[in-house]
N, C-alpha and C. Protein backbone atom coordinates (compact mmCIF):
# COMPACT_ATOMS: atom_id res chain seq x y z
N MET A 1 8.65 -3.58 2.79
CA MET A 1 7.69 -3.66 1.73
C MET A 1 6.42 -2.86 2.08
N PHE A 2 5.98 -2.99 3.36
CA PHE A 2 4.83 -2.27 3.86
C PHE A 2 4.99 -0.77 3.69
N SER A 3 6.22 -0.19 4.09
CA SER A 3 6.41 1.23 3.93
C SER A 3 6.36 1.64 2.46
N LEU A 4 6.85 0.88 1.55
CA LEU A 4 6.75 1.22 0.12
C LEU A 4 5.23 1.20 -0.34
N GLY A 5 4.51 0.31 0.25
CA GLY A 5 3.10 0.28 -0.07
C GLY A 5 2.34 1.47 0.50
N VAL A 6 2.86 2.01 1.68
CA VAL A 6 2.19 3.25 2.11
C VAL A 6 2.56 4.33 1.23
N VAL A 7 3.74 4.45 0.82
CA VAL A 7 4.16 5.58 -0.10
C VAL A 7 3.38 5.52 -1.35
N LEU A 8 3.25 4.25 -1.99
CA LEU A 8 2.45 4.12 -3.20
C LEU A 8 1.01 4.54 -2.94
N TRP A 9 0.41 4.05 -1.86
CA TRP A 9 -1.00 4.51 -1.53
C TRP A 9 -1.11 5.97 -1.37
N GLU A 10 -0.20 6.59 -0.70
CA GLU A 10 -0.20 8.04 -0.50
C GLU A 10 -0.10 8.83 -1.74
N LEU A 11 0.78 8.40 -2.67
CA LEU A 11 1.01 9.01 -3.89
C LEU A 11 -0.34 9.01 -4.80
N LEU A 12 -0.99 7.85 -4.73
CA LEU A 12 -2.17 7.66 -5.49
C LEU A 12 -3.36 8.38 -4.89
N ALA A 13 -3.45 8.50 -3.58
CA ALA A 13 -4.52 9.15 -2.87
C ALA A 13 -4.34 10.68 -2.63
N GLY A 14 -3.06 11.04 -2.68
CA GLY A 14 -2.76 12.51 -2.43
C GLY A 14 -2.98 12.92 -0.99
N ARG A 15 -2.93 11.96 -0.01
CA ARG A 15 -3.09 12.25 1.41
C ARG A 15 -2.43 11.13 2.23
N ARG A 16 -2.25 11.44 3.44
CA ARG A 16 -1.56 10.46 4.32
C ARG A 16 -2.54 9.28 4.60
N LEU A 17 -1.95 8.11 4.67
CA LEU A 17 -2.68 6.87 4.95
C LEU A 17 -2.95 6.70 6.43
N PHE A 18 -1.95 6.87 7.22
CA PHE A 18 -2.17 6.72 8.69
C PHE A 18 -1.72 8.09 9.38
N LYS A 19 -2.71 8.88 9.86
CA LYS A 19 -2.43 10.20 10.42
C LYS A 19 -3.34 10.20 11.74
N GLY A 20 -2.57 9.94 12.94
CA GLY A 20 -3.18 10.09 14.15
C GLY A 20 -3.00 11.48 14.80
N LYS A 21 -3.43 11.75 15.96
CA LYS A 21 -3.33 13.04 16.66
C LYS A 21 -1.98 13.07 17.27
N THR A 22 -1.37 11.93 17.59
CA THR A 22 -0.11 11.76 18.16
C THR A 22 0.77 10.84 17.41
N ASP A 23 2.00 10.75 17.64
CA ASP A 23 2.91 9.75 16.96
C ASP A 23 2.43 8.32 17.45
N TYR A 24 2.09 8.12 18.65
CA TYR A 24 1.65 6.85 19.16
C TYR A 24 0.35 6.43 18.41
N GLU A 25 -0.61 7.30 18.26
CA GLU A 25 -1.88 6.98 17.58
C GLU A 25 -1.63 6.67 16.10
N THR A 26 -0.72 7.34 15.49
CA THR A 26 -0.37 7.08 14.08
C THR A 26 0.33 5.64 13.98
N LEU A 27 1.18 5.32 14.93
CA LEU A 27 1.70 3.98 14.99
C LEU A 27 0.65 2.86 15.22
N MET A 28 -0.30 3.15 16.02
CA MET A 28 -1.35 2.25 16.25
C MET A 28 -2.21 2.07 14.99
N LEU A 29 -2.52 3.12 14.27
CA LEU A 29 -3.21 3.02 13.05
C LEU A 29 -2.51 2.19 11.94
N ALA A 30 -1.25 2.37 11.90
CA ALA A 30 -0.39 1.62 10.97
C ALA A 30 -0.39 0.15 11.33
N ARG A 31 -0.27 -0.02 12.63
CA ARG A 31 -0.21 -1.37 13.10
C ARG A 31 -1.55 -2.14 12.75
N ALA A 32 -2.59 -1.45 12.88
CA ALA A 32 -3.94 -2.04 12.57
C ALA A 32 -4.04 -2.37 11.11
N ALA A 33 -3.36 -1.53 10.26
CA ALA A 33 -3.33 -1.73 8.86
C ALA A 33 -4.67 -1.78 8.09
N GLN A 34 -5.60 -0.94 8.57
CA GLN A 34 -6.94 -0.86 7.91
C GLN A 34 -6.74 0.24 6.81
N VAL A 35 -6.81 -0.26 5.56
CA VAL A 35 -6.50 0.67 4.37
C VAL A 35 -7.82 0.96 3.67
N PRO A 36 -8.20 2.23 3.58
CA PRO A 36 -9.39 2.56 2.81
C PRO A 36 -9.16 2.40 1.38
N PRO A 37 -10.20 2.08 0.59
CA PRO A 37 -10.10 2.07 -0.93
C PRO A 37 -9.58 3.30 -1.54
N LEU A 38 -8.87 3.13 -2.61
CA LEU A 38 -8.48 4.24 -3.44
C LEU A 38 -9.53 4.64 -4.46
N ALA A 39 -9.75 5.93 -4.50
CA ALA A 39 -10.77 6.39 -5.47
C ALA A 39 -10.10 6.64 -6.77
N ASP A 40 -10.76 6.38 -7.86
CA ASP A 40 -10.32 6.64 -9.27
C ASP A 40 -8.92 6.01 -9.56
N VAL A 41 -8.72 4.74 -9.09
CA VAL A 41 -7.55 4.02 -9.26
C VAL A 41 -8.00 2.70 -9.94
N PRO A 42 -7.38 2.22 -11.05
CA PRO A 42 -7.81 1.03 -11.66
C PRO A 42 -7.66 -0.17 -10.61
N PRO A 43 -8.66 -1.06 -10.71
CA PRO A 43 -8.68 -2.12 -9.72
C PRO A 43 -7.32 -2.96 -9.72
N ALA A 44 -6.78 -3.16 -10.87
CA ALA A 44 -5.55 -3.94 -10.83
C ALA A 44 -4.34 -3.24 -10.15
N LEU A 45 -4.36 -1.89 -10.27
CA LEU A 45 -3.30 -1.21 -9.50
C LEU A 45 -3.59 -1.16 -8.03
N GLU A 46 -4.83 -1.02 -7.68
CA GLU A 46 -5.15 -1.00 -6.24
C GLU A 46 -4.84 -2.42 -5.63
N ALA A 47 -5.10 -3.53 -6.49
CA ALA A 47 -4.76 -4.76 -5.87
C ALA A 47 -3.18 -4.97 -5.61
N ILE A 48 -2.36 -4.36 -6.44
CA ILE A 48 -0.86 -4.33 -6.23
C ILE A 48 -0.59 -3.62 -4.99
N VAL A 49 -1.17 -2.36 -4.81
CA VAL A 49 -0.83 -1.63 -3.62
C VAL A 49 -1.39 -2.34 -2.38
N ARG A 50 -2.54 -2.99 -2.44
CA ARG A 50 -3.14 -3.63 -1.33
C ARG A 50 -2.23 -4.83 -0.92
N LYS A 51 -1.63 -5.56 -1.96
CA LYS A 51 -0.71 -6.69 -1.63
C LYS A 51 0.61 -6.13 -0.91
N ALA A 52 1.03 -5.01 -1.29
CA ALA A 52 2.15 -4.42 -0.64
C ALA A 52 1.80 -4.08 0.77
N LEU A 53 0.63 -3.75 1.03
CA LEU A 53 0.13 -3.28 2.35
C LEU A 53 -0.49 -4.46 3.18
N ALA A 54 -0.40 -5.66 2.66
CA ALA A 54 -1.05 -6.69 3.45
C ALA A 54 -0.51 -6.87 4.90
N LYS A 55 -1.46 -7.02 5.80
CA LYS A 55 -1.05 -7.09 7.26
C LYS A 55 -0.22 -8.29 7.48
N ASP A 56 -0.62 -9.39 6.77
CA ASP A 56 0.18 -10.70 6.91
C ASP A 56 1.48 -10.57 6.06
N LEU A 57 2.59 -10.76 6.71
CA LEU A 57 3.89 -10.62 6.04
C LEU A 57 3.96 -11.63 4.86
N GLU A 58 3.48 -12.80 5.08
CA GLU A 58 3.63 -13.77 3.99
C GLU A 58 2.68 -13.44 2.84
N ALA A 59 1.73 -12.64 2.95
CA ALA A 59 0.78 -12.21 1.83
C ALA A 59 1.34 -11.15 1.03
N ARG A 60 2.37 -10.43 1.53
CA ARG A 60 2.97 -9.33 0.73
C ARG A 60 3.93 -9.78 -0.26
N TYR A 61 4.28 -8.85 -1.11
CA TYR A 61 5.41 -9.11 -1.96
C TYR A 61 6.64 -9.30 -1.08
N GLN A 62 7.43 -10.37 -1.53
CA GLN A 62 8.64 -10.65 -0.75
C GLN A 62 9.80 -9.88 -1.13
N THR A 63 9.83 -9.39 -2.31
CA THR A 63 10.99 -8.51 -2.74
C THR A 63 10.50 -7.30 -3.53
N VAL A 64 11.40 -6.33 -3.64
CA VAL A 64 10.99 -5.14 -4.50
C VAL A 64 10.98 -5.52 -5.92
N ILE A 65 11.73 -6.51 -6.26
CA ILE A 65 11.73 -7.05 -7.65
C ILE A 65 10.35 -7.60 -7.98
N GLU A 66 9.77 -8.36 -7.08
CA GLU A 66 8.38 -8.97 -7.32
C GLU A 66 7.43 -7.77 -7.48
N LEU A 67 7.45 -6.79 -6.63
CA LEU A 67 6.48 -5.69 -6.78
C LEU A 67 6.74 -4.95 -8.07
N GLY A 68 8.01 -4.70 -8.41
CA GLY A 68 8.35 -4.06 -9.68
C GLY A 68 7.79 -4.82 -10.81
N ASP A 69 8.00 -6.17 -10.72
CA ASP A 69 7.46 -6.95 -11.91
C ASP A 69 5.90 -6.83 -12.03
N ALA A 70 5.19 -6.78 -10.91
CA ALA A 70 3.73 -6.62 -10.91
C ALA A 70 3.39 -5.25 -11.49
N LEU A 71 4.12 -4.23 -11.14
CA LEU A 71 3.76 -2.88 -11.75
C LEU A 71 4.11 -2.86 -13.19
N GLU A 72 5.29 -3.55 -13.56
CA GLU A 72 5.67 -3.45 -14.97
C GLU A 72 4.60 -4.27 -15.81
N GLY A 73 4.18 -5.40 -15.28
CA GLY A 73 3.04 -6.20 -15.85
C GLY A 73 1.81 -5.34 -16.18
N LEU A 74 1.47 -4.54 -15.15
CA LEU A 74 0.32 -3.71 -15.26
C LEU A 74 0.53 -2.62 -16.38
N ARG A 75 1.77 -2.08 -16.42
CA ARG A 75 2.02 -1.01 -17.36
C ARG A 75 2.03 -1.60 -18.78
N ALA A 76 2.53 -2.78 -18.97
CA ALA A 76 2.52 -3.50 -20.17
C ALA A 76 1.16 -3.83 -20.80
N ARG A 77 0.12 -3.87 -19.93
CA ARG A 77 -1.21 -4.22 -20.43
C ARG A 77 -1.79 -3.04 -21.15
């Protein structure tokens, strides 16, 4: 789920979320999971992406279906 959150964030931001000078540094940045805010993204969409990127496993969406339902609910609004 975290990886999918990274892809969503990167699609919306148009840049890499975690980019270190080395592979190890990139891994450490991802492990810290400090996610900057997304510019020009509706707050409800950013909340969905942030939940997918939650550092705490229990705070994330538990299934892709759950995430899809959240995105579909946003689209339906």
